[in-house]
Amino acid sequence: MTAFNQHRNLIAVIISATLSVVGCTEKEGTPEIESNTPSETEDKIAQLQREAQQGSPDAQYELAYLYENGIGVAKDEAKALELYEQAAAQGHPAAQTNLDDLKNEKQEF
């Protein structure tokens, strides 16, 4: 596994944790962790979809990453490629990197 792929896996873990944990607050010295309900996760994904459709390269990138890895949505590499292409066309460097990696992976098979 290359260092880049290890970095991508770490990002997947971070995004997954972000989607599953709303916040951490202290109550009488004990951290209280509130987890997302399924509807909160769906709301966050719906928000990203709206922003992506409005042309936000950051939302396109984040949503593409979720589709690429099946985080909170069904895994869909075709949709991930489409969204990475949209974000990369607007100059999003991480989207361009992930787009190149996905295309290279497809060529290797």
Foldseek 3Di string as FASTA:
>chain_A
DDPVVVVLVVVVVVVLVCQFWPDWDDDPNDIDTDTDDLVSSVVVLVVLVVVVVVQDLVSLQVNLSCLCVVRSHDNDNVSSLVSLVSSVVVPDVVSVVVNVVVVVVVVVD
